[in-house]
Protein backbone atom coordinates (compact mmCIF):
# COMPACT_ATOMS: atom_id res chain seq x y z
CA MET A 1 0.00 0.00 0.00
CA ALA A 2 1.42 3.36 -1.05
CA PHE A 3 1.17 6.53 1.03
CA ARG A 4 1.75 10.17 0.13
CA THR A 5 1.90 13.36 2.14
CA LEU A 6 -1.28 15.38 2.04
CA THR A 7 -0.94 18.94 0.81
CA ASP A 8 -2.84 21.87 2.34
CA GLU A 9 -5.10 21.84 -0.72
CA ASP A 10 -5.82 18.12 -0.27
CA THR A 11 -6.72 18.67 3.38
CA SER A 12 -8.95 21.63 2.61
CA ILE A 13 -10.89 19.72 -0.05
CA GLN A 14 -11.38 16.74 2.24
CA ASP A 15 -12.36 18.95 5.19
CA ASN A 16 -15.06 20.59 3.08
CA ALA A 17 -16.34 17.19 1.97
CA ILE A 18 -16.43 15.96 5.57
CA ARG A 19 -18.36 19.06 6.62
CA GLY A 20 -20.90 18.12 3.97
CA THR A 21 -21.56 14.80 5.73
CA ASN A 22 -23.13 16.83 8.53
CA GLU A 23 -25.97 17.73 6.16
CA ASP A 24 -26.27 14.04 5.22
CA ALA A 25 -26.62 13.13 8.90
CA ILE A 26 -29.27 15.80 9.49
CA THR A 27 -31.28 14.64 6.49
CA SER A 28 -31.00 10.97 7.51
CA LYS A 29 -32.08 11.67 11.08
CA LEU A 30 -34.98 13.85 9.93
CA SER A 31 -36.13 11.09 7.57
CA ALA A 32 -35.98 8.55 10.39
CA VAL A 33 -37.97 10.84 12.68
CA ASN A 34 -40.58 11.57 10.00
CA ALA A 35 -40.95 7.87 9.19
CA GLY A 36 -41.48 7.04 12.84
CA TYR A 37 -38.33 5.00 13.46
CA ILE A 38 -37.07 7.26 16.24
CA GLN A 39 -38.17 10.17 18.39
CA ASP A 40 -36.13 13.30 19.05
CA ASP A 41 -37.39 14.49 22.41
CA TYR A 42 -34.30 16.62 23.04
CA SER A 43 -36.11 18.82 25.53
CA SER A 44 -36.73 15.89 27.88
CA LEU A 45 -33.09 14.81 28.13
CA GLN A 46 -31.68 14.63 31.63
CA LYS A 47 -29.24 17.48 32.10
CA PHE A 48 -25.59 16.84 32.75
CA TYR A 49 -23.51 19.21 34.83
CA LYS A 50 -22.46 20.79 31.56
CA TYR A 51 -22.72 19.78 27.89
CA PHE A 52 -19.94 20.75 25.48
CA GLU A 53 -20.24 20.46 21.71
CA ILE A 54 -17.35 20.91 19.26
CA ASP A 55 -17.48 21.21 15.48
CA PHE A 56 -16.01 23.13 12.56
CA PRO A 57 -16.85 26.87 12.61
CA GLU A 58 -18.99 26.53 9.48
CA ILE A 59 -21.17 23.97 11.29
CA THR A 60 -21.33 25.69 14.68
CA ALA A 61 -22.36 28.97 13.00
CA LYS A 62 -25.42 27.20 11.57
CA LYS A 63 -26.21 25.56 14.90
CA ALA A 64 -25.88 28.82 16.80
CA ALA A 65 -28.17 30.59 14.31
CA ILE A 66 -30.81 27.85 14.59
CA ILE A 67 -30.72 27.98 18.40
CA ARG A 68 -31.03 31.79 18.43
CA LYS A 69 -34.06 31.67 16.12
CA ASN A 70 -35.83 28.84 17.96
CA LYS A 71 -37.58 29.90 21.16
CA GLU A 72 -37.76 26.39 22.61
CA LEU A 73 -34.07 25.71 22.03
CA SER A 74 -33.11 29.12 23.42
CA GLU A 75 -35.11 28.43 26.57
CA ILE A 76 -33.32 25.10 27.04
CA ILE A 77 -29.84 26.64 27.04
CA GLY A 78 -30.99 29.53 29.25
CA ASP A 79 -31.19 33.30 29.20
CA ASP A 80 -27.59 33.66 30.36
CA ALA A 81 -26.13 32.17 27.16
CA ARG A 82 -23.77 34.44 25.22
CA ILE A 83 -22.71 34.38 21.56
CA GLY A 84 -19.01 34.59 20.67
CA ARG A 85 -16.41 34.28 17.93
CA GLY A 86 -18.48 35.98 15.28
CA GLY A 87 -21.62 33.94 15.94
CA THR A 88 -19.88 30.55 15.83
CA GLU A 89 -19.94 29.83 19.57
CA ILE A 90 -22.42 29.81 22.46
CA TYR A 91 -21.44 30.04 26.12
CA GLY A 92 -24.16 29.04 28.60
CA SER A 93 -24.19 27.87 32.20
CA ASP A 94 -24.84 24.25 31.20
CA TYR A 95 -24.31 24.27 27.43
CA CYS A 96 -21.25 25.38 25.48
CA LEU A 97 -20.87 25.24 21.68
CA LEU A 98 -17.26 25.66 20.56
CA SER A 99 -15.85 26.03 17.06
CA GLY A 100 -12.57 24.35 16.34
CA ASP A 101 -10.58 21.56 14.75
CA LEU A 102 -10.10 18.35 16.73
CA ARG A 103 -6.65 18.01 15.21
CA ASP A 104 -5.78 20.90 17.54
CA PHE A 105 -7.56 19.40 20.53
CA ILE A 106 -4.77 19.70 23.12
CA GLU A 107 -3.22 22.96 21.95
CA ASP A 108 -6.37 24.94 21.16
CA LEU A 109 -9.55 23.28 22.37
CA VAL A 110 -8.56 22.07 25.83
CA PRO A 111 -7.64 25.58 27.07
CA ARG A 112 -10.91 26.98 25.69
CA LEU A 113 -12.92 24.11 27.17
CA GLU A 114 -11.43 24.78 30.58
CA SER A 115 -11.95 28.53 30.32
CA ASN A 116 -15.64 27.77 29.78
CA GLY A 117 -16.11 25.45 32.73
CA PHE A 118 -14.73 22.05 31.73
CA ASP A 119 -13.70 20.34 34.97
CA ARG A 120 -11.18 17.50 34.77
CA SER A 121 -12.18 16.26 38.23
CA LEU A 122 -15.73 15.39 37.15
CA SER A 123 -16.80 12.14 35.52
CA THR A 124 -17.14 12.93 31.82
CA LEU A 125 -18.82 11.19 28.90
CA PHE A 126 -17.31 11.75 25.43
CA LEU A 127 -19.47 11.04 22.36
CA SER A 128 -18.09 10.71 18.83
CA GLU A 129 -20.54 9.93 16.02
CA CYS A 130 -18.53 9.25 12.83
CA VAL A 131 -15.94 11.85 13.80
CA MET A 132 -12.63 10.25 14.74
CA ILE A 133 -12.91 7.91 11.75
CA TYR A 134 -12.21 10.94 9.51
CA MET A 135 -9.08 11.86 11.44
CA ASP A 136 -5.54 10.64 11.04
CA PRO A 137 -5.02 8.08 13.84
CA MET A 138 -2.07 10.11 15.09
CA ASN A 139 -4.49 12.96 15.90
CA SER A 140 -7.41 10.92 17.20
CA ASN A 141 -5.11 8.84 19.39
CA LYS A 142 -3.85 12.01 21.06
CA ILE A 143 -7.40 12.78 22.17
CA VAL A 144 -7.89 9.29 23.64
CA GLU A 145 -4.50 9.45 25.34
CA TRP A 146 -5.04 12.95 26.75
CA ILE A 147 -8.41 12.02 28.25
CA GLY A 148 -6.97 8.85 29.78
CA ALA A 149 -4.02 10.73 31.26
CA ASN A 150 -5.85 13.81 32.53
CA LEU A 151 -9.26 12.67 33.80
CA ASN A 152 -9.75 10.42 36.80
CA THR A 153 -13.05 9.06 35.51
CA ALA A 154 -14.22 9.11 31.91
CA MET A 155 -16.24 7.17 29.38
CA PHE A 156 -15.91 7.28 25.58
CA ILE A 157 -18.59 6.13 23.12
CA VAL A 158 -17.98 6.06 19.36
CA TYR A 159 -20.13 5.12 16.36
CA GLU A 160 -18.19 4.56 13.15
CA GLN A 161 -17.43 2.35 10.17
CA ILE A 162 -15.42 -0.89 10.23
CA LEU A 163 -14.36 -3.77 7.91
CA PRO A 164 -12.69 -1.85 5.06
CA ASN A 165 -11.01 -4.87 3.50
CA ASP A 166 -13.91 -7.05 2.35
CA ALA A 167 -15.82 -6.49 -0.89
CA PHE A 168 -18.52 -4.31 0.65
CA GLY A 169 -15.95 -2.27 2.59
CA SER A 170 -13.89 -1.64 -0.54
CA VAL A 171 -16.95 -0.37 -2.42
CA MET A 172 -17.91 1.78 0.56
CA LEU A 173 -14.49 3.45 0.61
CA GLN A 174 -14.51 3.91 -3.17
CA ASN A 175 -17.91 5.61 -3.07
CA LEU A 176 -16.67 7.98 -0.38
CA LYS A 177 -13.52 8.67 -2.39
CA TYR A 178 -15.67 9.90 -5.28
CA ARG A 179 -16.95 12.57 -2.85
CA ASN A 180 -13.39 13.46 -1.74
CA ILE A 181 -14.02 11.82 1.62
CA GLU A 182 -11.36 9.62 3.21
CA LEU A 183 -11.90 7.50 6.32
CA ARG A 184 -8.34 8.03 7.54
CA GLY A 185 -8.79 6.00 10.70
CA ILE A 186 -10.52 2.91 9.37
CA HIS A 187 -7.39 0.89 8.56
CA ALA A 188 -5.94 1.54 12.02
CA TYR A 189 -9.15 0.29 13.67
CA PRO A 190 -10.75 -2.00 11.07
CA ASP A 191 -12.68 -4.39 13.31
CA LEU A 192 -14.27 -4.80 16.73
CA GLU A 193 -11.14 -6.09 18.46
CA SER A 194 -9.00 -3.21 17.24
CA GLN A 195 -11.72 -0.77 18.28
CA LYS A 196 -11.43 -2.08 21.83
CA ASP A 197 -7.64 -2.12 21.70
CA ARG A 198 -7.63 1.60 20.81
CA TYR A 199 -8.47 2.23 24.47
CA LEU A 200 -7.04 -0.78 26.27
CA SER A 201 -3.58 -0.24 24.79
CA ARG A 202 -3.67 3.32 26.13
CA GLY A 203 -4.42 2.46 29.71
CA TRP A 204 -8.21 2.62 29.76
CA THR A 205 -9.81 0.24 32.25
CA HIS A 206 -12.32 -1.62 30.05
CA ALA A 207 -13.65 -1.54 26.49
CA GLU A 208 -16.41 -3.19 24.44
CA ALA A 209 -17.47 -3.07 20.78
CA VAL A 210 -20.44 -4.52 18.88
CA ASP A 211 -21.64 -4.14 15.31
CA MET A 212 -25.12 -2.88 14.42
CA ASN A 213 -26.42 -6.35 13.60
CA GLU A 214 -25.72 -7.41 17.17
CA ILE A 215 -27.38 -4.25 18.44
CA TYR A 216 -30.50 -5.03 16.44
CA ASP A 217 -30.62 -8.79 17.02
CA ILE A 218 -29.90 -8.85 20.74
CA TYR A 219 -30.32 -5.42 22.31
CA ILE A 220 -33.48 -4.06 20.69
CA ASP A 221 -36.81 -4.95 22.29
CA PRO A 222 -38.79 -7.39 20.09
CA LYS A 223 -41.77 -5.09 20.53
CA GLU A 224 -39.73 -2.40 18.78
CA HIS A 225 -38.86 -4.90 16.02
CA ALA A 226 -42.56 -5.48 15.48
CA ARG A 227 -43.36 -1.76 15.49
CA ILE A 228 -40.75 -0.70 12.94
CA SER A 229 -41.52 -3.67 10.66
CA LYS A 230 -44.93 -2.09 10.08
CA LEU A 231 -43.54 1.30 9.06
CA GLU A 232 -42.39 0.34 5.56
CA MET A 233 -41.51 -2.73 3.50
CA LEU A 234 -37.84 -3.72 3.69
CA ASP A 235 -37.18 -6.31 0.99
CA GLU A 236 -33.38 -6.03 0.68
CA LEU A 237 -32.65 -7.64 4.05
CA GLU A 238 -29.34 -9.17 3.03
CA GLU A 239 -28.01 -5.78 1.91
CA TRP A 240 -29.28 -4.16 5.11
CA ARG A 241 -27.47 -6.71 7.25
CA LEU A 242 -24.31 -6.29 5.19
CA LEU A 243 -24.43 -2.54 5.74
CA ALA A 244 -25.11 -2.98 9.46
CA SER A 245 -22.08 -5.26 9.82
CA HIS A 246 -19.86 -2.38 8.67
CA TYR A 247 -20.90 0.01 11.44
CA CYS A 248 -20.18 -0.41 15.13
CA ILE A 249 -20.63 1.12 18.53
CA ALA A 250 -17.59 0.94 20.80
CA TRP A 251 -17.35 2.17 24.35
CA ALA A 252 -14.65 2.32 26.99
CA TYR A 253 -14.25 3.64 30.48
CA LYS A 254 -11.33 4.72 32.61
CA VAL A 255 -11.51 4.82 36.42
CA SER A 256 -8.91 5.66 39.03
CA ASN A 257 -9.84 3.01 41.60
CA GLU A 258 -11.47 -0.42 41.72
CA SER A 259 -14.52 0.75 43.67
CA GLN A 260 -15.67 2.79 40.68
CA LYS A 261 -15.66 -0.20 38.32
CA VAL A 262 -18.95 -1.55 39.67
CA SER A 263 -20.88 1.47 38.39
CA TYR A 264 -19.29 1.38 34.95
CA ASP A 265 -19.48 -2.40 34.52
CA SER A 266 -23.25 -2.04 34.81
CA VAL A 267 -23.30 0.12 31.66
CA ASN A 268 -24.56 -2.47 29.20
CA PHE A 269 -27.34 -2.87 26.67
CA GLU A 270 -30.35 -4.79 27.91
CA ASN A 271 -30.15 -8.29 26.44
CA PHE A 272 -33.52 -9.26 24.97
CA LYS A 273 -32.15 -12.42 23.36
CA LYS A 274 -32.18 -14.16 26.74
CA LYS A 275 -35.79 -13.13 27.36
CA SER A 276 -37.63 -13.95 24.16
CA PRO A 277 -37.68 -15.97 20.89
CA ASP A 278 -35.46 -15.01 17.96
CA HIS A 279 -36.68 -11.82 16.23
CA SER A 280 -33.55 -11.12 14.21
CA ILE A 281 -33.84 -10.02 10.58
CA LYS A 282 -32.97 -12.90 8.29
CA ASN A 283 -32.97 -13.24 4.53
CA THR A 284 -35.22 -16.17 3.58
CA GLY A 285 -34.54 -15.93 -0.13
CA ASP A 286 -38.23 -15.40 -0.93
């Protein structure tokens, strides 16, 4: 496999393409909500001590504008929220939207997080939905390492693509390449075991990873299976399962003492496979 050094122009083109995937995600989620697959009751979410969100300035500017124009969203973040950095950031008592590049996480973002209330002493949950997969592993690994070295208690949850080397994975990468999108981290963490090792090899206490087929087959309530099966006809089941096998959820936690492990070991999906008959999606060939 040949490698070449990316130029500034290459990086800029790919960054713009990656920003475009944000619109894809919004459209996909909206379609799922409209079809009845999921609900988006954001206003009923239990509040954390503080919620931080980081994205490119072009994305955070849109988010900040939407929040300012929406009364319900504005009420959620509170009257004390301030706008900064030319409308790309929001600073509230329990919500903070920061613009930045995760490749500069330690040098740029950590100081700004801490100046806006990020507390290393508090247990912190980090969420990454198809984010680190776009980064060079050298940069994403620095984030994992920094969190593990600087927080006493933390949990990391990621959702991203896997299995780049089979036929489906090769086509998936080729289709993304046509859009100038490169999954720079997928070959470093190509399967479930390597996803777990990303954390375990860097001193995290425990890690797990499952693909989306396992999520559906084992950890989704059969009643939900029955409900969504009535929403629309899904006749390409084999293709759906193939796609689902190429996406995973991985999670890891890091604690500073053994007594804390009990709480984090209890963080698991509810296993419906042990409770009921098989409701997994299978291709019958009919």
